């Protein structure tokens, strides 16, 4: 999952990447080709 209010450095790579980029902190990408399936919080709430 990803979206606002998602806790960074916990269990969402997208949230961690967003938080770190916004706050000028480094992000680590070991394999750029690693694929994730992500659901956005507003789409989840709509469901």
ModelCIF file with pLDDT and N, C-alpha, C, O atoms, coordinates in Angstrom:
data_MODEL
#
_entry.id   MODEL 
#
_entity.id                         1 
_entity.type                       polymer 
_entity.pdbx_number_of_molecules   1 
#
_entity_poly.entity_id                      1 
_entity_poly.type                           'polypeptide(L)' 
_entity_poly.nstd_linkage                   no 
_entity_poly.nstd_monomer                   no 
_entity_poly.pdbx_seq_one_letter_code       
;(UNK)(UNK)(UNK)(UNK)(UNK)(UNK)(UNK)(UNK)(UNK)(UNK)(UNK)(UNK)(UNK)(UNK)(UNK)(UNK)
(UNK)(UNK)(UNK)(UNK)(UNK)(UNK)(UNK)(UNK)(UNK)(UNK)(UNK)(UNK)(UNK)(UNK)(UNK)(UNK)
(UNK)(UNK)(UNK)(UNK)(UNK)(UNK)(UNK)(UNK)(UNK)(UNK)(UNK)(UNK)(UNK)(UNK)(UNK)
;
_entity_poly.pdbx_seq_one_letter_code_can   XXXXXXXXXXXXXXXXXXXXXXXXXXXXXXXXXXXXXXXXXXXXXXX 
_entity_poly.pdbx_strand_id                 A 
#
loop_
_entity_poly_seq.entity_id 
_entity_poly_seq.num 
_entity_poly_seq.mon_id 
_entity_poly_seq.hetero 
1 1  UNK n 
1 2  UNK n 
1 3  UNK n 
1 4  UNK n 
1 5  UNK n 
1 6  UNK n 
1 7  UNK n 
1 8  UNK n 
1 9  UNK n 
1 10 UNK n 
1 11 UNK n 
1 12 UNK n 
1 13 UNK n 
1 14 UNK n 
1 15 UNK n 
1 16 UNK n 
1 17 UNK n 
1 18 UNK n 
1 19 UNK n 
1 20 UNK n 
1 21 UNK n 
1 22 UNK n 
1 23 UNK n 
1 24 UNK n 
1 25 UNK n 
1 26 UNK n 
1 27 UNK n 
1 28 UNK n 
1 29 UNK n 
1 30 UNK n 
1 31 UNK n 
1 32 UNK n 
1 33 UNK n 
1 34 UNK n 
1 35 UNK n 
1 36 UNK n 
1 37 UNK n 
1 38 UNK n 
1 39 UNK n 
1 40 UNK n 
1 41 UNK n 
1 42 UNK n 
1 43 UNK n 
1 44 UNK n 
1 45 UNK n 
1 46 UNK n 
1 47 UNK n 
#
_struct_asym.id          A 
_struct_asym.entity_id   1 
#
loop_
_ma_qa_metric.id 
_ma_qa_metric.mode 
_ma_qa_metric.name 
_ma_qa_metric.software_group_id 
_ma_qa_metric.type 
1 global pLDDT . pLDDT 
2 local  pLDDT . pLDDT 
#
_ma_qa_metric_global.metric_id      1 
_ma_qa_metric_global.metric_value   94.17 
_ma_qa_metric_global.model_id       1 
_ma_qa_metric_global.ordinal_id     1 
#
loop_
_ma_qa_metric_local.label_asym_id 
_ma_qa_metric_local.label_comp_id 
_ma_qa_metric_local.label_seq_id 
_ma_qa_metric_local.metric_id 
_ma_qa_metric_local.metric_value 
_ma_qa_metric_local.model_id 
_ma_qa_metric_local.ordinal_id 
A UNK 1  2 94.00 1 1  
A UNK 2  2 96.00 1 2  
A UNK 3  2 96.00 1 3  
A UNK 4  2 95.00 1 4  
A UNK 5  2 90.00 1 5  
A UNK 6  2 91.00 1 6  
A UNK 7  2 88.00 1 7  
A UNK 8  2 90.00 1 8  
A UNK 9  2 85.00 1 9  
A UNK 10 2 81.00 1 10 
A UNK 11 2 74.00 1 11 
A UNK 12 2 86.00 1 12 
A UNK 13 2 90.00 1 13 
A UNK 14 2 94.00 1 14 
A UNK 15 2 94.00 1 15 
A UNK 16 2 95.00 1 16 
A UNK 17 2 97.00 1 17 
A UNK 18 2 97.00 1 18 
A UNK 19 2 97.00 1 19 
A UNK 20 2 97.00 1 20 
A UNK 21 2 98.00 1 21 
A UNK 22 2 98.00 1 22 
A UNK 23 2 97.00 1 23 
A UNK 24 2 97.00 1 24 
A UNK 25 2 97.00 1 25 
A UNK 26 2 95.00 1 26 
A UNK 27 2 95.00 1 27 
A UNK 28 2 93.00 1 28 
A UNK 29 2 94.00 1 29 
A UNK 30 2 93.00 1 30 
A UNK 31 2 95.00 1 31 
A UNK 32 2 96.00 1 32 
A UNK 33 2 97.00 1 33 
A UNK 34 2 94.00 1 34 
A UNK 35 2 95.00 1 35 
A UNK 36 2 94.00 1 36 
A UNK 37 2 95.00 1 37 
A UNK 38 2 97.00 1 38 
A UNK 39 2 97.00 1 39 
A UNK 40 2 97.00 1 40 
A UNK 41 2 97.00 1 41 
A UNK 42 2 98.00 1 42 
A UNK 43 2 98.00 1 43 
A UNK 44 2 98.00 1 44 
A UNK 45 2 98.00 1 45 
A UNK 46 2 98.00 1 46 
A UNK 47 2 98.00 1 47 
#
loop_
_atom_site.group_PDB 
_atom_site.id 
_atom_site.type_symbol 
_atom_site.label_atom_id 
_atom_site.label_alt_id 
_atom_site.label_comp_id 
_atom_site.label_asym_id 
_atom_site.label_entity_id 
_atom_site.label_seq_id 
_atom_site.pdbx_PDB_ins_code 
_atom_site.Cartn_x 
_atom_site.Cartn_y 
_atom_site.Cartn_z 
_atom_site.occupancy 
_atom_site.B_iso_or_equiv 
_atom_site.pdbx_formal_charge 
_atom_site.auth_seq_id 
_atom_site.auth_comp_id 
_atom_site.auth_asym_id 
_atom_site.auth_atom_id 
_atom_site.pdbx_PDB_model_num 
ATOM 1   N N  . UNK A 1 1  ? 0.833   -1.196 0.000   1.00 94.00 ? 1  UNK A N  1 
ATOM 2   C CA . UNK A 1 1  ? 0.000   0.000  0.000   1.00 94.00 ? 1  UNK A CA 1 
ATOM 3   C C  . UNK A 1 1  ? 0.870   1.249  0.000   1.00 94.00 ? 1  UNK A C  1 
ATOM 4   O O  . UNK A 1 1  ? 2.012   1.224  0.460   1.00 94.00 ? 1  UNK A O  1 
ATOM 5   N N  . UNK A 1 2  ? 0.317   2.340  -0.521  1.00 96.00 ? 2  UNK A N  1 
ATOM 6   C CA . UNK A 1 2  ? 1.008   3.624  -0.439  1.00 96.00 ? 2  UNK A CA 1 
ATOM 7   C C  . UNK A 1 2  ? -0.040  4.734  -0.425  1.00 96.00 ? 2  UNK A C  1 
ATOM 8   O O  . UNK A 1 2  ? -1.191  4.529  -0.810  1.00 96.00 ? 2  UNK A O  1 
ATOM 9   N N  . UNK A 1 3  ? 0.382   5.905  0.024   1.00 96.00 ? 3  UNK A N  1 
ATOM 10  C CA . UNK A 1 3  ? -0.523  7.038  0.127   1.00 96.00 ? 3  UNK A CA 1 
ATOM 11  C C  . UNK A 1 3  ? -0.225  7.834  1.383   1.00 96.00 ? 3  UNK A C  1 
ATOM 12  O O  . UNK A 1 3  ? 0.630   7.453  2.182   1.00 96.00 ? 3  UNK A O  1 
ATOM 13  N N  . UNK A 1 4  ? -0.930  8.933  1.552   1.00 95.00 ? 4  UNK A N  1 
ATOM 14  C CA . UNK A 1 4  ? -0.713  9.790  2.725   1.00 95.00 ? 4  UNK A CA 1 
ATOM 15  C C  . UNK A 1 4  ? -0.959  8.999  4.007   1.00 95.00 ? 4  UNK A C  1 
ATOM 16  O O  . UNK A 1 4  ? -1.771  8.074  4.037   1.00 95.00 ? 4  UNK A O  1 
ATOM 17  N N  . UNK A 1 5  ? -0.256  9.372  5.043   1.00 90.00 ? 5  UNK A N  1 
ATOM 18  C CA . UNK A 1 5  ? -0.359  8.793  6.377   1.00 90.00 ? 5  UNK A CA 1 
ATOM 19  C C  . UNK A 1 5  ? 0.262   7.399  6.464   1.00 90.00 ? 5  UNK A C  1 
ATOM 20  O O  . UNK A 1 5  ? 0.139   6.726  7.488   1.00 90.00 ? 5  UNK A O  1 
ATOM 21  N N  . UNK A 1 6  ? 0.924   6.968  5.400   1.00 91.00 ? 6  UNK A N  1 
ATOM 22  C CA . UNK A 1 6  ? 1.615   5.677  5.467   1.00 91.00 ? 6  UNK A CA 1 
ATOM 23  C C  . UNK A 1 6  ? 2.937   5.875  6.213   1.00 91.00 ? 6  UNK A C  1 
ATOM 24  O O  . UNK A 1 6  ? 3.704   6.791  5.917   1.00 91.00 ? 6  UNK A O  1 
ATOM 25  N N  . UNK A 1 7  ? 3.179   5.018  7.161   1.00 88.00 ? 7  UNK A N  1 
ATOM 26  C CA . UNK A 1 7  ? 4.358   5.148  8.012   1.00 88.00 ? 7  UNK A CA 1 
ATOM 27  C C  . UNK A 1 7  ? 5.630   4.773  7.250   1.00 88.00 ? 7  UNK A C  1 
ATOM 28  O O  . UNK A 1 7  ? 5.744   3.644  6.773   1.00 88.00 ? 7  UNK A O  1 
ATOM 29  N N  . UNK A 1 8  ? 6.599   5.706  7.124   1.00 90.00 ? 8  UNK A N  1 
ATOM 30  C CA . UNK A 1 8  ? 7.830   5.383  6.405   1.00 90.00 ? 8  UNK A CA 1 
ATOM 31  C C  . UNK A 1 8  ? 8.743   4.490  7.232   1.00 90.00 ? 8  UNK A C  1 
ATOM 32  O O  . UNK A 1 8  ? 8.589   4.379  8.448   1.00 90.00 ? 8  UNK A O  1 
ATOM 33  N N  . UNK A 1 9  ? 9.691   3.857  6.561   1.00 85.00 ? 9  UNK A N  1 
ATOM 34  C CA . UNK A 1 9  ? 10.670  2.989  7.222   1.00 85.00 ? 9  UNK A CA 1 
ATOM 35  C C  . UNK A 1 9  ? 9.998   1.910  8.057   1.00 85.00 ? 9  UNK A C  1 
ATOM 36  O O  . UNK A 1 9  ? 10.471  1.548  9.134   1.00 85.00 ? 9  UNK A O  1 
ATOM 37  N N  . UNK A 1 10 ? 8.886   1.407  7.537   1.00 81.00 ? 10 UNK A N  1 
ATOM 38  C CA . UNK A 1 10 ? 8.139   0.388  8.277   1.00 81.00 ? 10 UNK A CA 1 
ATOM 39  C C  . UNK A 1 10 ? 7.866   -0.812 7.371   1.00 81.00 ? 10 UNK A C  1 
ATOM 40  O O  . UNK A 1 10 ? 8.579   -1.812 7.449   1.00 81.00 ? 10 UNK A O  1 
ATOM 41  N N  . UNK A 1 11 ? 6.849   -0.731 6.517   1.00 74.00 ? 11 UNK A N  1 
ATOM 42  C CA . UNK A 1 11 ? 6.584   -1.871 5.641   1.00 74.00 ? 11 UNK A CA 1 
ATOM 43  C C  . UNK A 1 11 ? 6.127   -1.450 4.246   1.00 74.00 ? 11 UNK A C  1 
ATOM 44  O O  . UNK A 1 11 ? 5.484   -2.229 3.543   1.00 74.00 ? 11 UNK A O  1 
ATOM 45  N N  . UNK A 1 12 ? 6.456   -0.215 3.841   1.00 86.00 ? 12 UNK A N  1 
ATOM 46  C CA . UNK A 1 12 ? 6.095   0.258  2.511   1.00 86.00 ? 12 UNK A CA 1 
ATOM 47  C C  . UNK A 1 12 ? 7.297   0.945  1.883   1.00 86.00 ? 12 UNK A C  1 
ATOM 48  O O  . UNK A 1 12 ? 7.708   2.020  2.319   1.00 86.00 ? 12 UNK A O  1 
ATOM 49  N N  . UNK A 1 13 ? 7.858   0.312  0.851   1.00 90.00 ? 13 UNK A N  1 
ATOM 50  C CA . UNK A 1 13 ? 9.007   0.901  0.169   1.00 90.00 ? 13 UNK A CA 1 
ATOM 51  C C  . UNK A 1 13 ? 8.627   2.228  -0.480  1.00 90.00 ? 13 UNK A C  1 
ATOM 52  O O  . UNK A 1 13 ? 9.411   3.177  -0.461  1.00 90.00 ? 13 UNK A O  1 
ATOM 53  N N  . UNK A 1 14 ? 7.423   2.297  -1.055  1.00 94.00 ? 14 UNK A N  1 
ATOM 54  C CA . UNK A 1 14 ? 6.989   3.538  -1.710  1.00 94.00 ? 14 UNK A CA 1 
ATOM 55  C C  . UNK A 1 14 ? 6.906   4.683  -0.708  1.00 94.00 ? 14 UNK A C  1 
ATOM 56  O O  . UNK A 1 14 ? 7.340   5.799  -0.996  1.00 94.00 ? 14 UNK A O  1 
ATOM 57  N N  . UNK A 1 15 ? 6.346   4.405  0.472   1.00 94.00 ? 15 UNK A N  1 
ATOM 58  C CA . UNK A 1 15 ? 6.245   5.437  1.502   1.00 94.00 ? 15 UNK A CA 1 
ATOM 59  C C  . UNK A 1 15 ? 7.624   5.880  1.973   1.00 94.00 ? 15 UNK A C  1 
ATOM 60  O O  . UNK A 1 15 ? 7.863   7.073  2.163   1.00 94.00 ? 15 UNK A O  1 
ATOM 61  N N  . UNK A 1 16 ? 8.526   4.930  2.160   1.00 95.00 ? 16 UNK A N  1 
ATOM 62  C CA . UNK A 1 16 ? 9.880   5.253  2.604   1.00 95.00 ? 16 UNK A CA 1 
ATOM 63  C C  . UNK A 1 16 ? 10.606  6.090  1.568   1.00 95.00 ? 16 UNK A C  1 
ATOM 64  O O  . UNK A 1 16 ? 11.274  7.067  1.907   1.00 95.00 ? 16 UNK A O  1 
ATOM 65  N N  . UNK A 1 17 ? 10.475  5.703  0.293   1.00 97.00 ? 17 UNK A N  1 
ATOM 66  C CA . UNK A 1 17 ? 11.118  6.465  -0.775  1.00 97.00 ? 17 UNK A CA 1 
ATOM 67  C C  . UNK A 1 17 ? 10.570  7.896  -0.830  1.00 97.00 ? 17 UNK A C  1 
ATOM 68  O O  . UNK A 1 17 ? 11.333  8.850  -0.981  1.00 97.00 ? 17 UNK A O  1 
ATOM 69  N N  . UNK A 1 18 ? 9.249   8.041  -0.708  1.00 97.00 ? 18 UNK A N  1 
ATOM 70  C CA . UNK A 1 18 ? 8.635   9.374  -0.735  1.00 97.00 ? 18 UNK A CA 1 
ATOM 71  C C  . UNK A 1 18 ? 9.125   10.220 0.430   1.00 97.00 ? 18 UNK A C  1 
ATOM 72  O O  . UNK A 1 18 ? 9.518   11.372 0.249   1.00 97.00 ? 18 UNK A O  1 
ATOM 73  N N  . UNK A 1 19 ? 9.099   9.646  1.615   1.00 97.00 ? 19 UNK A N  1 
ATOM 74  C CA . UNK A 1 19 ? 9.524   10.365 2.821   1.00 97.00 ? 19 UNK A CA 1 
ATOM 75  C C  . UNK A 1 19 ? 10.975  10.789 2.719   1.00 97.00 ? 19 UNK A C  1 
ATOM 76  O O  . UNK A 1 19 ? 11.306  11.943 2.991   1.00 97.00 ? 19 UNK A O  1 
ATOM 77  N N  . UNK A 1 20 ? 11.838  9.875  2.332   1.00 97.00 ? 20 UNK A N  1 
ATOM 78  C CA . UNK A 1 20 ? 13.262  10.186 2.291   1.00 97.00 ? 20 UNK A CA 1 
ATOM 79  C C  . UNK A 1 20 ? 13.579  11.219 1.212   1.00 97.00 ? 20 UNK A C  1 
ATOM 80  O O  . UNK A 1 20 ? 14.385  12.121 1.438   1.00 97.00 ? 20 UNK A O  1 
ATOM 81  N N  . UNK A 1 21 ? 12.955  11.096 0.051   1.00 98.00 ? 21 UNK A N  1 
ATOM 82  C CA . UNK A 1 21 ? 13.199  12.062 -1.015  1.00 98.00 ? 21 UNK A CA 1 
ATOM 83  C C  . UNK A 1 21 ? 12.722  13.451 -0.606  1.00 98.00 ? 21 UNK A C  1 
ATOM 84  O O  . UNK A 1 21 ? 13.411  14.442 -0.849  1.00 98.00 ? 21 UNK A O  1 
ATOM 85  N N  . UNK A 1 22 ? 11.553  13.525 0.011   1.00 98.00 ? 22 UNK A N  1 
ATOM 86  C CA . UNK A 1 22 ? 11.007  14.815 0.445   1.00 98.00 ? 22 UNK A CA 1 
ATOM 87  C C  . UNK A 1 22 ? 11.870  15.469 1.505   1.00 98.00 ? 22 UNK A C  1 
ATOM 88  O O  . UNK A 1 22 ? 11.897  16.694 1.620   1.00 98.00 ? 22 UNK A O  1 
ATOM 89  N N  . UNK A 1 23 ? 12.581  14.655 2.285   1.00 97.00 ? 23 UNK A N  1 
ATOM 90  C CA . UNK A 1 23 ? 13.377  15.176 3.388   1.00 97.00 ? 23 UNK A CA 1 
ATOM 91  C C  . UNK A 1 23 ? 14.886  15.097 3.128   1.00 97.00 ? 23 UNK A C  1 
ATOM 92  O O  . UNK A 1 23 ? 15.692  15.151 4.057   1.00 97.00 ? 23 UNK A O  1 
ATOM 93  N N  . UNK A 1 24 ? 15.249  14.969 1.851   1.00 97.00 ? 24 UNK A N  1 
ATOM 94  C CA . UNK A 1 24 ? 16.661  14.969 1.433   1.00 97.00 ? 24 UNK A CA 1 
ATOM 95  C C  . UNK A 1 24 ? 17.470  13.867 2.101   1.00 97.00 ? 24 UNK A C  1 
ATOM 96  O O  . UNK A 1 24 ? 18.644  14.052 2.421   1.00 97.00 ? 24 UNK A O  1 
ATOM 97  N N  . UNK A 1 25 ? 16.836  12.725 2.307   1.00 97.00 ? 25 UNK A N  1 
ATOM 98  C CA . UNK A 1 25 ? 17.507  11.545 2.839   1.00 97.00 ? 25 UNK A CA 1 
ATOM 99  C C  . UNK A 1 25 ? 17.746  10.556 1.700   1.00 97.00 ? 25 UNK A C  1 
ATOM 100 O O  . UNK A 1 25 ? 16.977  10.534 0.739   1.00 97.00 ? 25 UNK A O  1 
ATOM 101 N N  . UNK A 1 26 ? 18.778  9.751  1.787   1.00 95.00 ? 26 UNK A N  1 
ATOM 102 C CA . UNK A 1 26 ? 19.073  8.820  0.682   1.00 95.00 ? 26 UNK A CA 1 
ATOM 103 C C  . UNK A 1 26 ? 18.049  7.687  0.598   1.00 95.00 ? 26 UNK A C  1 
ATOM 104 O O  . UNK A 1 26 ? 17.440  7.304  1.596   1.00 95.00 ? 26 UNK A O  1 
ATOM 105 N N  . UNK A 1 27 ? 17.877  7.168  -0.604  1.00 95.00 ? 27 UNK A N  1 
ATOM 106 C CA . UNK A 1 27 ? 17.086  5.954  -0.803  1.00 95.00 ? 27 UNK A CA 1 
ATOM 107 C C  . UNK A 1 27 ? 18.006  4.899  -1.394  1.00 95.00 ? 27 UNK A C  1 
ATOM 108 O O  . UNK A 1 27 ? 18.947  5.213  -2.123  1.00 95.00 ? 27 UNK A O  1 
ATOM 109 N N  . UNK A 1 28 ? 17.723  3.651  -1.073  1.00 93.00 ? 28 UNK A N  1 
ATOM 110 C CA . UNK A 1 28 ? 18.550  2.546  -1.541  1.00 93.00 ? 28 UNK A CA 1 
ATOM 111 C C  . UNK A 1 28 ? 17.767  1.691  -2.514  1.00 93.00 ? 28 UNK A C  1 
ATOM 112 O O  . UNK A 1 28 ? 16.715  1.150  -2.173  1.00 93.00 ? 28 UNK A O  1 
ATOM 113 N N  . UNK A 1 29 ? 18.283  1.569  -3.730  1.00 94.00 ? 29 UNK A N  1 
ATOM 114 C CA . UNK A 1 29 ? 17.667  0.721  -4.752  1.00 94.00 ? 29 UNK A CA 1 
ATOM 115 C C  . UNK A 1 29 ? 18.696  -0.321 -5.157  1.00 94.00 ? 29 UNK A C  1 
ATOM 116 O O  . UNK A 1 29 ? 19.617  -0.039 -5.924  1.00 94.00 ? 29 UNK A O  1 
ATOM 117 N N  . UNK A 1 30 ? 18.530  -1.525 -4.633  1.00 93.00 ? 30 UNK A N  1 
ATOM 118 C CA . UNK A 1 30 ? 19.488  -2.588 -4.939  1.00 93.00 ? 30 UNK A CA 1 
ATOM 119 C C  . UNK A 1 30 ? 19.295  -3.136 -6.348  1.00 93.00 ? 30 UNK A C  1 
ATOM 120 O O  . UNK A 1 30 ? 20.266  -3.497 -7.014  1.00 93.00 ? 30 UNK A O  1 
ATOM 121 N N  . UNK A 1 31 ? 18.055  -3.199 -6.799  1.00 95.00 ? 31 UNK A N  1 
ATOM 122 C CA . UNK A 1 31 ? 17.759  -3.706 -8.140  1.00 95.00 ? 31 UNK A CA 1 
ATOM 123 C C  . UNK A 1 31 ? 16.642  -2.861 -8.730  1.00 95.00 ? 31 UNK A C  1 
ATOM 124 O O  . UNK A 1 31 ? 15.491  -2.966 -8.306  1.00 95.00 ? 31 UNK A O  1 
ATOM 125 N N  . UNK A 1 32 ? 16.976  -2.021 -9.710  1.00 96.00 ? 32 UNK A N  1 
ATOM 126 C CA . UNK A 1 32 ? 15.984  -1.125 -10.306 1.00 96.00 ? 32 UNK A CA 1 
ATOM 127 C C  . UNK A 1 32 ? 14.848  -1.879 -10.980 1.00 96.00 ? 32 UNK A C  1 
ATOM 128 O O  . UNK A 1 32 ? 13.767  -1.322 -11.174 1.00 96.00 ? 32 UNK A O  1 
ATOM 129 N N  . UNK A 1 33 ? 15.073  -3.125 -11.337 1.00 97.00 ? 33 UNK A N  1 
ATOM 130 C CA . UNK A 1 33 ? 14.058  -3.907 -12.060 1.00 97.00 ? 33 UNK A CA 1 
ATOM 131 C C  . UNK A 1 33 ? 13.104  -4.657 -11.144 1.00 97.00 ? 33 UNK A C  1 
ATOM 132 O O  . UNK A 1 33 ? 12.173  -5.307 -11.619 1.00 97.00 ? 33 UNK A O  1 
ATOM 133 N N  . UNK A 1 34 ? 13.325  -4.573 -9.837  1.00 94.00 ? 34 UNK A N  1 
ATOM 134 C CA . UNK A 1 34 ? 12.399  -5.226 -8.905  1.00 94.00 ? 34 UNK A CA 1 
ATOM 135 C C  . UNK A 1 34 ? 11.011  -4.624 -9.052  1.00 94.00 ? 34 UNK A C  1 
ATOM 136 O O  . UNK A 1 34 ? 10.842  -3.410 -8.941  1.00 94.00 ? 34 UNK A O  1 
ATOM 137 N N  . UNK A 1 35 ? 10.013  -5.473 -9.304  1.00 95.00 ? 35 UNK A N  1 
ATOM 138 C CA . UNK A 1 35 ? 8.647   -4.992 -9.554  1.00 95.00 ? 35 UNK A CA 1 
ATOM 139 C C  . UNK A 1 35 ? 7.783   -5.167 -8.315  1.00 95.00 ? 35 UNK A C  1 
ATOM 140 O O  . UNK A 1 35 ? 7.852   -6.182 -7.622  1.00 95.00 ? 35 UNK A O  1 
ATOM 141 N N  . UNK A 1 36 ? 6.969   -4.154 -8.056  1.00 94.00 ? 36 UNK A N  1 
ATOM 142 C CA . UNK A 1 36 ? 6.026   -4.179 -6.945  1.00 94.00 ? 36 UNK A CA 1 
ATOM 143 C C  . UNK A 1 36 ? 4.609   -4.031 -7.481  1.00 94.00 ? 36 UNK A C  1 
ATOM 144 O O  . UNK A 1 36 ? 4.380   -3.353 -8.483  1.00 94.00 ? 36 UNK A O  1 
ATOM 145 N N  . UNK A 1 37 ? 3.661   -4.672 -6.806  1.00 95.00 ? 37 UNK A N  1 
ATOM 146 C CA . UNK A 1 37 ? 2.252   -4.368 -7.047  1.00 95.00 ? 37 UNK A CA 1 
ATOM 147 C C  . UNK A 1 37 ? 1.796   -3.473 -5.915  1.00 95.00 ? 37 UNK A C  1 
ATOM 148 O O  . UNK A 1 37 ? 1.909   -3.832 -4.743  1.00 95.00 ? 37 UNK A O  1 
ATOM 149 N N  . UNK A 1 38 ? 1.278   -2.305 -6.267  1.00 97.00 ? 38 UNK A N  1 
ATOM 150 C CA . UNK A 1 38 ? 0.929   -1.306 -5.268  1.00 97.00 ? 38 UNK A CA 1 
ATOM 151 C C  . UNK A 1 38 ? -0.538  -0.902 -5.393  1.00 97.00 ? 38 UNK A C  1 
ATOM 152 O O  . UNK A 1 38 ? -1.075  -0.772 -6.493  1.00 97.00 ? 38 UNK A O  1 
ATOM 153 N N  . UNK A 1 39 ? -1.168  -0.707 -4.241  1.00 97.00 ? 39 UNK A N  1 
ATOM 154 C CA . UNK A 1 39 ? -2.537  -0.194 -4.188  1.00 97.00 ? 39 UNK A CA 1 
ATOM 155 C C  . UNK A 1 39 ? -2.509  1.135  -3.460  1.00 97.00 ? 39 UNK A C  1 
ATOM 156 O O  . UNK A 1 39 ? -1.929  1.260  -2.381  1.00 97.00 ? 39 UNK A O  1 
ATOM 157 N N  . UNK A 1 40 ? -3.149  2.130  -4.069  1.00 97.00 ? 40 UNK A N  1 
ATOM 158 C CA . UNK A 1 40 ? -3.203  3.475  -3.495  1.00 97.00 ? 40 UNK A CA 1 
ATOM 159 C C  . UNK A 1 40 ? -4.320  3.550  -2.464  1.00 97.00 ? 40 UNK A C  1 
ATOM 160 O O  . UNK A 1 40 ? -5.387  2.965  -2.646  1.00 97.00 ? 40 UNK A O  1 
ATOM 161 N N  . UNK A 1 41 ? -4.062  4.276  -1.382  1.00 97.00 ? 41 UNK A N  1 
ATOM 162 C CA . UNK A 1 41 ? -4.981  4.292  -0.254  1.00 97.00 ? 41 UNK A CA 1 
ATOM 163 C C  . UNK A 1 41 ? -6.376  4.784  -0.637  1.00 97.00 ? 41 UNK A C  1 
ATOM 164 O O  . UNK A 1 41 ? -7.365  4.263  -0.121  1.00 97.00 ? 41 UNK A O  1 
ATOM 165 N N  . UNK A 1 42 ? -6.481  5.767  -1.521  1.00 98.00 ? 42 UNK A N  1 
ATOM 166 C CA . UNK A 1 42 ? -7.802  6.270  -1.898  1.00 98.00 ? 42 UNK A CA 1 
ATOM 167 C C  . UNK A 1 42 ? -8.580  5.238  -2.705  1.00 98.00 ? 42 UNK A C  1 
ATOM 168 O O  . UNK A 1 42 ? -9.804  5.159  -2.599  1.00 98.00 ? 42 UNK A O  1 
ATOM 169 N N  . UNK A 1 43 ? -7.871  4.440  -3.518  1.00 98.00 ? 43 UNK A N  1 
ATOM 170 C CA . UNK A 1 43 ? -8.538  3.360  -4.249  1.00 98.00 ? 43 UNK A CA 1 
ATOM 171 C C  . UNK A 1 43 ? -9.033  2.288  -3.285  1.00 98.00 ? 43 UNK A C  1 
ATOM 172 O O  . UNK A 1 43 ? -10.102 1.710  -3.477  1.00 98.00 ? 43 UNK A O  1 
ATOM 173 N N  . UNK A 1 44 ? -8.236  2.030  -2.241  1.00 98.00 ? 44 UNK A N  1 
ATOM 174 C CA . UNK A 1 44 ? -8.648  1.050  -1.244  1.00 98.00 ? 44 UNK A CA 1 
ATOM 175 C C  . UNK A 1 44 ? -9.888  1.538  -0.492  1.00 98.00 ? 44 UNK A C  1 
ATOM 176 O O  . UNK A 1 44 ? -10.836 0.777  -0.297  1.00 98.00 ? 44 UNK A O  1 
ATOM 177 N N  . UNK A 1 45 ? -9.882  2.794  -0.075  1.00 98.00 ? 45 UNK A N  1 
ATOM 178 C CA . UNK A 1 45 ? -11.032 3.338  0.649   1.00 98.00 ? 45 UNK A CA 1 
ATOM 179 C C  . UNK A 1 45 ? -12.279 3.318  -0.229  1.00 98.00 ? 45 UNK A C  1 
ATOM 180 O O  . UNK A 1 45 ? -13.372 3.017  0.250   1.00 98.00 ? 45 UNK A O  1 
ATOM 181 N N  . UNK A 1 46 ? -12.119 3.640  -1.515  1.00 98.00 ? 46 UNK A N  1 
ATOM 182 C CA . UNK A 1 46 ? -13.263 3.597  -2.429  1.00 98.00 ? 46 UNK A CA 1 
ATOM 183 C C  . UNK A 1 46 ? -13.855 2.189  -2.480  1.00 98.00 ? 46 UNK A C  1 
ATOM 184 O O  . UNK A 1 46 ? -15.074 2.025  -2.532  1.00 98.00 ? 46 UNK A O  1 
ATOM 185 N N  . UNK A 1 47 ? -12.995 1.186  -2.465  1.00 98.00 ? 47 UNK A N  1 
ATOM 186 C CA . UNK A 1 47 ? -13.492 -0.199 -2.462  1.00 98.00 ? 47 UNK A CA 1 
ATOM 187 C C  . UNK A 1 47 ? -14.205 -0.527 -1.158  1.00 98.00 ? 47 UNK A C  1 
ATOM 188 O O  . UNK A 1 47 ? -14.686 -1.646 -0.982  1.00 98.00 ? 47 UNK A O  1 
#
